[in-house]
N, C-alpha and C. Protein backbone atom coordinates (compact mmCIF):
# COMPACT_ATOMS: atom_id res chain seq x y z
N MET A 1 23.58 222.86 -45.96
CA MET A 1 23.84 221.80 -45.01
C MET A 1 22.94 221.95 -43.78
N ARG A 2 22.78 223.16 -43.27
CA ARG A 2 21.95 223.36 -42.08
C ARG A 2 20.51 222.95 -42.36
N ASP A 3 20.01 223.31 -43.52
CA ASP A 3 18.63 222.95 -43.87
C ASP A 3 18.47 221.45 -43.96
N GLU A 4 19.49 220.77 -44.46
CA GLU A 4 19.44 219.31 -44.54
C GLU A 4 19.39 218.69 -43.15
N VAL A 5 20.19 219.21 -42.23
CA VAL A 5 20.20 218.72 -40.86
C VAL A 5 18.85 218.97 -40.22
N ARG A 6 18.31 220.18 -40.39
CA ARG A 6 17.00 220.51 -39.84
C ARG A 6 15.96 219.52 -40.35
N GLN A 7 15.98 219.24 -41.65
CA GLN A 7 15.01 218.33 -42.25
C GLN A 7 15.15 216.91 -41.68
N LEU A 8 16.38 216.44 -41.54
CA LEU A 8 16.61 215.10 -40.99
C LEU A 8 16.11 214.99 -39.55
N VAL A 9 16.40 216.00 -38.75
CA VAL A 9 15.98 216.00 -37.35
C VAL A 9 14.46 216.02 -37.26
N GLU A 10 13.83 216.89 -38.04
CA GLU A 10 12.38 217.02 -37.98
C GLU A 10 11.67 215.80 -38.57
N GLN A 11 12.30 215.10 -39.52
CA GLN A 11 11.74 213.86 -40.06
C GLN A 11 11.57 212.82 -38.97
N ASP A 12 12.47 212.82 -38.02
CA ASP A 12 12.41 211.86 -36.91
C ASP A 12 11.46 212.29 -35.81
N GLY A 13 10.74 213.39 -36.03
CA GLY A 13 9.77 213.86 -35.06
C GLY A 13 10.35 214.71 -33.95
N ALA A 14 11.61 215.04 -34.06
CA ALA A 14 12.25 215.89 -33.05
C ALA A 14 12.18 217.35 -33.50
N ALA A 15 12.34 218.23 -32.55
CA ALA A 15 12.34 219.65 -32.87
C ALA A 15 13.76 220.11 -33.13
N PHE A 16 13.90 221.07 -34.01
CA PHE A 16 15.20 221.63 -34.35
C PHE A 16 15.12 223.13 -34.15
N VAL A 17 15.99 223.66 -33.32
CA VAL A 17 16.04 225.10 -33.08
C VAL A 17 17.44 225.56 -33.40
N GLU A 18 17.55 226.44 -34.39
CA GLU A 18 18.86 226.96 -34.78
C GLU A 18 19.13 228.27 -34.05
N VAL A 19 20.21 228.28 -33.29
CA VAL A 19 20.62 229.46 -32.54
C VAL A 19 21.92 229.96 -33.13
N PHE A 20 21.93 231.20 -33.58
CA PHE A 20 23.13 231.82 -34.14
C PHE A 20 23.70 232.76 -33.09
N VAL A 21 24.89 232.45 -32.61
CA VAL A 21 25.58 233.31 -31.65
C VAL A 21 26.51 234.21 -32.46
N LYS A 22 26.12 235.45 -32.55
CA LYS A 22 26.81 236.43 -33.39
C LYS A 22 27.77 237.26 -32.53
N CYS A 23 28.98 237.46 -33.05
CA CYS A 23 29.96 238.24 -32.31
C CYS A 23 31.01 238.78 -33.27
N PRO A 24 31.33 240.07 -33.21
CA PRO A 24 32.37 240.62 -34.08
C PRO A 24 33.74 240.01 -33.78
N ILE A 25 34.56 239.92 -34.80
CA ILE A 25 35.87 239.28 -34.64
C ILE A 25 36.76 240.00 -33.63
N ASP A 26 36.67 241.32 -33.53
CA ASP A 26 37.51 242.02 -32.56
C ASP A 26 37.16 241.63 -31.13
N VAL A 27 35.89 241.35 -30.87
CA VAL A 27 35.48 240.90 -29.54
C VAL A 27 35.94 239.46 -29.32
N LEU A 28 35.86 238.64 -30.35
CA LEU A 28 36.35 237.27 -30.23
C LEU A 28 37.84 237.25 -29.89
N VAL A 29 38.60 238.14 -30.52
CA VAL A 29 40.04 238.24 -30.24
C VAL A 29 40.26 238.59 -28.78
N GLN A 30 39.49 239.55 -28.26
CA GLN A 30 39.63 239.96 -26.85
C GLN A 30 39.30 238.83 -25.88
N ARG A 31 38.31 238.02 -26.23
CA ARG A 31 37.86 236.94 -25.34
C ARG A 31 38.71 235.67 -25.44
N ASP A 32 39.50 235.54 -26.46
CA ASP A 32 40.21 234.31 -26.77
C ASP A 32 41.42 234.11 -25.86
N VAL A 33 41.25 233.30 -24.82
CA VAL A 33 42.32 233.10 -23.84
C VAL A 33 43.49 232.28 -24.40
N LYS A 34 43.25 231.51 -25.45
CA LYS A 34 44.33 230.70 -26.04
C LYS A 34 45.10 231.45 -27.13
N GLY A 35 44.59 232.61 -27.54
CA GLY A 35 45.28 233.40 -28.55
C GLY A 35 45.18 232.85 -29.97
N LEU A 36 44.21 231.99 -30.21
CA LEU A 36 44.08 231.37 -31.54
C LEU A 36 43.67 232.38 -32.62
N TYR A 37 42.78 233.31 -32.26
CA TYR A 37 42.37 234.32 -33.25
C TYR A 37 43.55 235.21 -33.64
N ARG A 38 44.36 235.61 -32.67
CA ARG A 38 45.54 236.44 -32.99
C ARG A 38 46.47 235.69 -33.94
N LYS A 39 46.69 234.40 -33.64
CA LYS A 39 47.55 233.59 -34.52
C LYS A 39 46.96 233.45 -35.91
N ALA A 40 45.67 233.24 -35.98
CA ALA A 40 45.01 233.10 -37.28
C ALA A 40 45.08 234.41 -38.07
N LEU A 41 44.84 235.52 -37.39
CA LEU A 41 44.90 236.82 -38.05
C LEU A 41 46.32 237.15 -38.52
N ALA A 42 47.32 236.62 -37.81
CA ALA A 42 48.73 236.84 -38.19
C ALA A 42 49.18 235.85 -39.27
N GLY A 43 48.29 234.93 -39.65
CA GLY A 43 48.63 233.96 -40.69
C GLY A 43 49.35 232.72 -40.17
N GLU A 44 49.44 232.60 -38.86
CA GLU A 44 50.14 231.45 -38.27
C GLU A 44 49.29 230.19 -38.25
N LEU A 45 47.96 230.35 -38.29
CA LEU A 45 47.05 229.21 -38.32
C LEU A 45 46.30 229.26 -39.65
N LYS A 46 46.29 228.17 -40.34
CA LYS A 46 45.60 228.08 -41.64
C LYS A 46 44.21 227.48 -41.44
N ALA A 47 43.32 227.79 -42.35
CA ALA A 47 41.96 227.23 -42.36
C ALA A 47 41.24 227.46 -41.03
N PHE A 48 41.34 228.67 -40.51
CA PHE A 48 40.68 229.02 -39.25
C PHE A 48 39.34 229.66 -39.59
N THR A 49 38.26 228.99 -39.18
CA THR A 49 36.91 229.44 -39.54
C THR A 49 36.67 230.88 -39.12
N GLY A 50 36.20 231.68 -40.06
CA GLY A 50 35.89 233.07 -39.79
C GLY A 50 37.05 234.02 -40.02
N VAL A 51 38.24 233.46 -40.22
CA VAL A 51 39.42 234.29 -40.48
C VAL A 51 39.95 233.96 -41.87
N SER A 52 40.64 232.83 -42.01
CA SER A 52 41.17 232.44 -43.32
C SER A 52 40.25 231.45 -44.03
N ASP A 53 39.33 230.88 -43.31
CA ASP A 53 38.34 229.97 -43.87
C ASP A 53 36.98 230.65 -43.72
N PRO A 54 36.17 230.65 -44.76
CA PRO A 54 34.91 231.39 -44.68
C PRO A 54 33.92 230.80 -43.66
N TYR A 55 33.13 231.67 -43.11
CA TYR A 55 32.02 231.26 -42.25
C TYR A 55 30.76 231.86 -42.84
N GLU A 56 29.78 231.04 -43.08
CA GLU A 56 28.52 231.53 -43.62
C GLU A 56 27.49 231.55 -42.50
N ALA A 57 27.07 232.74 -42.14
CA ALA A 57 26.05 232.89 -41.11
C ALA A 57 24.75 232.28 -41.61
N PRO A 58 23.96 231.72 -40.72
CA PRO A 58 22.68 231.14 -41.15
C PRO A 58 21.76 232.22 -41.72
N LEU A 59 20.97 231.82 -42.72
CA LEU A 59 20.08 232.77 -43.39
C LEU A 59 18.85 233.11 -42.55
N SER A 60 18.34 232.12 -41.83
CA SER A 60 17.13 232.38 -41.04
C SER A 60 17.14 231.57 -39.74
N PRO A 61 18.05 231.92 -38.83
CA PRO A 61 18.08 231.20 -37.55
C PRO A 61 16.82 231.49 -36.74
N ASP A 62 16.49 230.58 -35.84
CA ASP A 62 15.32 230.77 -34.99
C ASP A 62 15.58 231.81 -33.91
N VAL A 63 16.81 231.88 -33.46
CA VAL A 63 17.20 232.85 -32.43
C VAL A 63 18.58 233.40 -32.81
N VAL A 64 18.73 234.72 -32.70
CA VAL A 64 20.04 235.34 -32.91
C VAL A 64 20.47 235.94 -31.58
N ILE A 65 21.62 235.49 -31.11
CA ILE A 65 22.20 236.00 -29.87
C ILE A 65 23.37 236.90 -30.25
N GLU A 66 23.33 238.14 -29.80
CA GLU A 66 24.44 239.07 -30.05
C GLU A 66 25.25 239.14 -28.77
N SER A 67 26.24 238.25 -28.68
CA SER A 67 26.95 238.06 -27.41
C SER A 67 27.79 239.26 -26.99
N ASP A 68 28.04 240.17 -27.91
CA ASP A 68 28.78 241.38 -27.54
C ASP A 68 27.86 242.48 -27.03
N ARG A 69 26.54 242.28 -27.17
CA ARG A 69 25.58 243.33 -26.81
C ARG A 69 24.63 242.94 -25.69
N GLU A 70 24.55 241.64 -25.39
CA GLU A 70 23.58 241.23 -24.38
C GLU A 70 24.26 240.32 -23.35
N SER A 71 23.68 240.31 -22.17
CA SER A 71 24.25 239.50 -21.10
C SER A 71 23.98 238.01 -21.35
N VAL A 72 24.74 237.18 -20.68
CA VAL A 72 24.52 235.74 -20.76
C VAL A 72 23.10 235.42 -20.29
N GLU A 73 22.68 236.07 -19.22
CA GLU A 73 21.34 235.82 -18.67
C GLU A 73 20.25 236.14 -19.70
N LEU A 74 20.38 237.27 -20.39
CA LEU A 74 19.39 237.64 -21.40
C LEU A 74 19.42 236.64 -22.56
N SER A 75 20.61 236.25 -22.97
CA SER A 75 20.73 235.28 -24.07
C SER A 75 20.06 233.96 -23.70
N VAL A 76 20.32 233.48 -22.51
CA VAL A 76 19.70 232.23 -22.05
C VAL A 76 18.18 232.38 -22.01
N ALA A 77 17.71 233.50 -21.50
CA ALA A 77 16.27 233.73 -21.42
C ALA A 77 15.63 233.74 -22.81
N ARG A 78 16.31 234.30 -23.78
CA ARG A 78 15.77 234.35 -25.15
C ARG A 78 15.72 232.96 -25.76
N ILE A 79 16.74 232.16 -25.51
CA ILE A 79 16.75 230.79 -26.03
C ILE A 79 15.65 229.96 -25.36
N LEU A 80 15.55 230.06 -24.05
CA LEU A 80 14.51 229.32 -23.34
C LEU A 80 13.11 229.74 -23.77
N ALA A 81 12.93 231.03 -24.02
CA ALA A 81 11.63 231.52 -24.48
C ALA A 81 11.27 230.88 -25.83
N GLU A 82 12.24 230.76 -26.71
CA GLU A 82 11.99 230.13 -28.01
C GLU A 82 11.66 228.64 -27.83
N LEU A 83 12.38 227.97 -26.96
CA LEU A 83 12.10 226.55 -26.70
C LEU A 83 10.71 226.36 -26.09
N GLU A 84 10.35 227.23 -25.17
CA GLU A 84 9.04 227.12 -24.51
C GLU A 84 7.90 227.49 -25.45
N ARG A 85 8.18 228.31 -26.45
CA ARG A 85 7.17 228.71 -27.43
C ARG A 85 6.80 227.55 -28.35
N ARG A 86 7.71 226.63 -28.50
CA ARG A 86 7.52 225.51 -29.42
C ARG A 86 6.90 224.31 -28.70
N PRO A 87 6.24 223.47 -29.46
CA PRO A 87 5.64 222.27 -28.84
C PRO A 87 6.67 221.17 -28.61
N ILE A 88 7.60 221.43 -27.72
CA ILE A 88 8.65 220.46 -27.40
C ILE A 88 8.36 219.97 -25.98
N GLY A 89 7.81 218.78 -25.87
CA GLY A 89 7.40 218.27 -24.56
C GLY A 89 8.49 218.30 -23.53
N ALA A 90 9.72 217.97 -23.89
CA ALA A 90 10.80 217.89 -22.92
C ALA A 90 11.23 219.25 -22.42
N CYS A 91 10.75 220.32 -23.02
CA CYS A 91 11.19 221.65 -22.62
C CYS A 91 10.18 222.36 -21.75
N SER A 92 9.07 221.71 -21.40
CA SER A 92 8.13 222.37 -20.52
C SER A 92 8.72 222.42 -19.13
N GLY A 93 8.34 223.41 -18.35
CA GLY A 93 8.93 223.62 -17.04
C GLY A 93 8.86 222.40 -16.14
N GLY A 94 7.70 221.70 -16.12
CA GLY A 94 7.55 220.54 -15.27
C GLY A 94 8.51 219.43 -15.64
N ASP A 95 8.63 219.14 -16.91
CA ASP A 95 9.53 218.09 -17.36
C ASP A 95 10.98 218.44 -17.05
N ARG A 96 11.34 219.69 -17.28
CA ARG A 96 12.71 220.11 -17.04
C ARG A 96 13.05 219.97 -15.56
N ASN A 97 12.13 220.38 -14.68
CA ASN A 97 12.38 220.28 -13.24
C ASN A 97 12.46 218.83 -12.80
N ARG A 98 11.59 217.98 -13.33
CA ARG A 98 11.59 216.58 -12.96
C ARG A 98 12.89 215.92 -13.39
N ARG A 99 13.38 216.25 -14.59
CA ARG A 99 14.62 215.67 -15.09
C ARG A 99 15.80 216.07 -14.21
N GLN A 100 15.83 217.30 -13.71
CA GLN A 100 16.94 217.75 -12.90
C GLN A 100 16.97 217.05 -11.55
N GLN A 101 15.82 216.57 -11.06
CA GLN A 101 15.74 215.97 -9.74
C GLN A 101 16.07 214.48 -9.76
N GLN A 102 16.12 213.85 -10.93
CA GLN A 102 16.39 212.42 -11.00
C GLN A 102 17.84 212.15 -10.63
N PRO A 103 18.09 211.09 -9.85
CA PRO A 103 19.47 210.76 -9.50
C PRO A 103 20.23 210.24 -10.71
N VAL A 104 21.53 210.43 -10.71
CA VAL A 104 22.38 209.96 -11.79
C VAL A 104 22.61 208.47 -11.60
N GLN A 105 22.38 207.70 -12.66
CA GLN A 105 22.59 206.25 -12.62
C GLN A 105 24.04 205.95 -12.99
N ARG A 106 24.68 205.09 -12.25
CA ARG A 106 26.08 204.73 -12.54
C ARG A 106 26.20 203.28 -12.87
């Protein structure tokens, strides 16, 4: 499915960057303020992705973020570096700065 989405996006001339945010389930449980992982692990929630429903990690993502091992700042920097490495006009520094300065239209 991911490859099909990538192909569709790229057919339209847009860039597709797949970012896999990897995190062990025990860390997800610790971070989960709603307690959904605990409920899923206890069998109280059915079809919970990564617990009772399978999750298939991407085979060849463009960027892998290990959120339990790296800071948010480092993760963002790695994603931005990948975007800047690619020929994506909207991601160049000048365009990004110009877009942020435009007033919001209501």
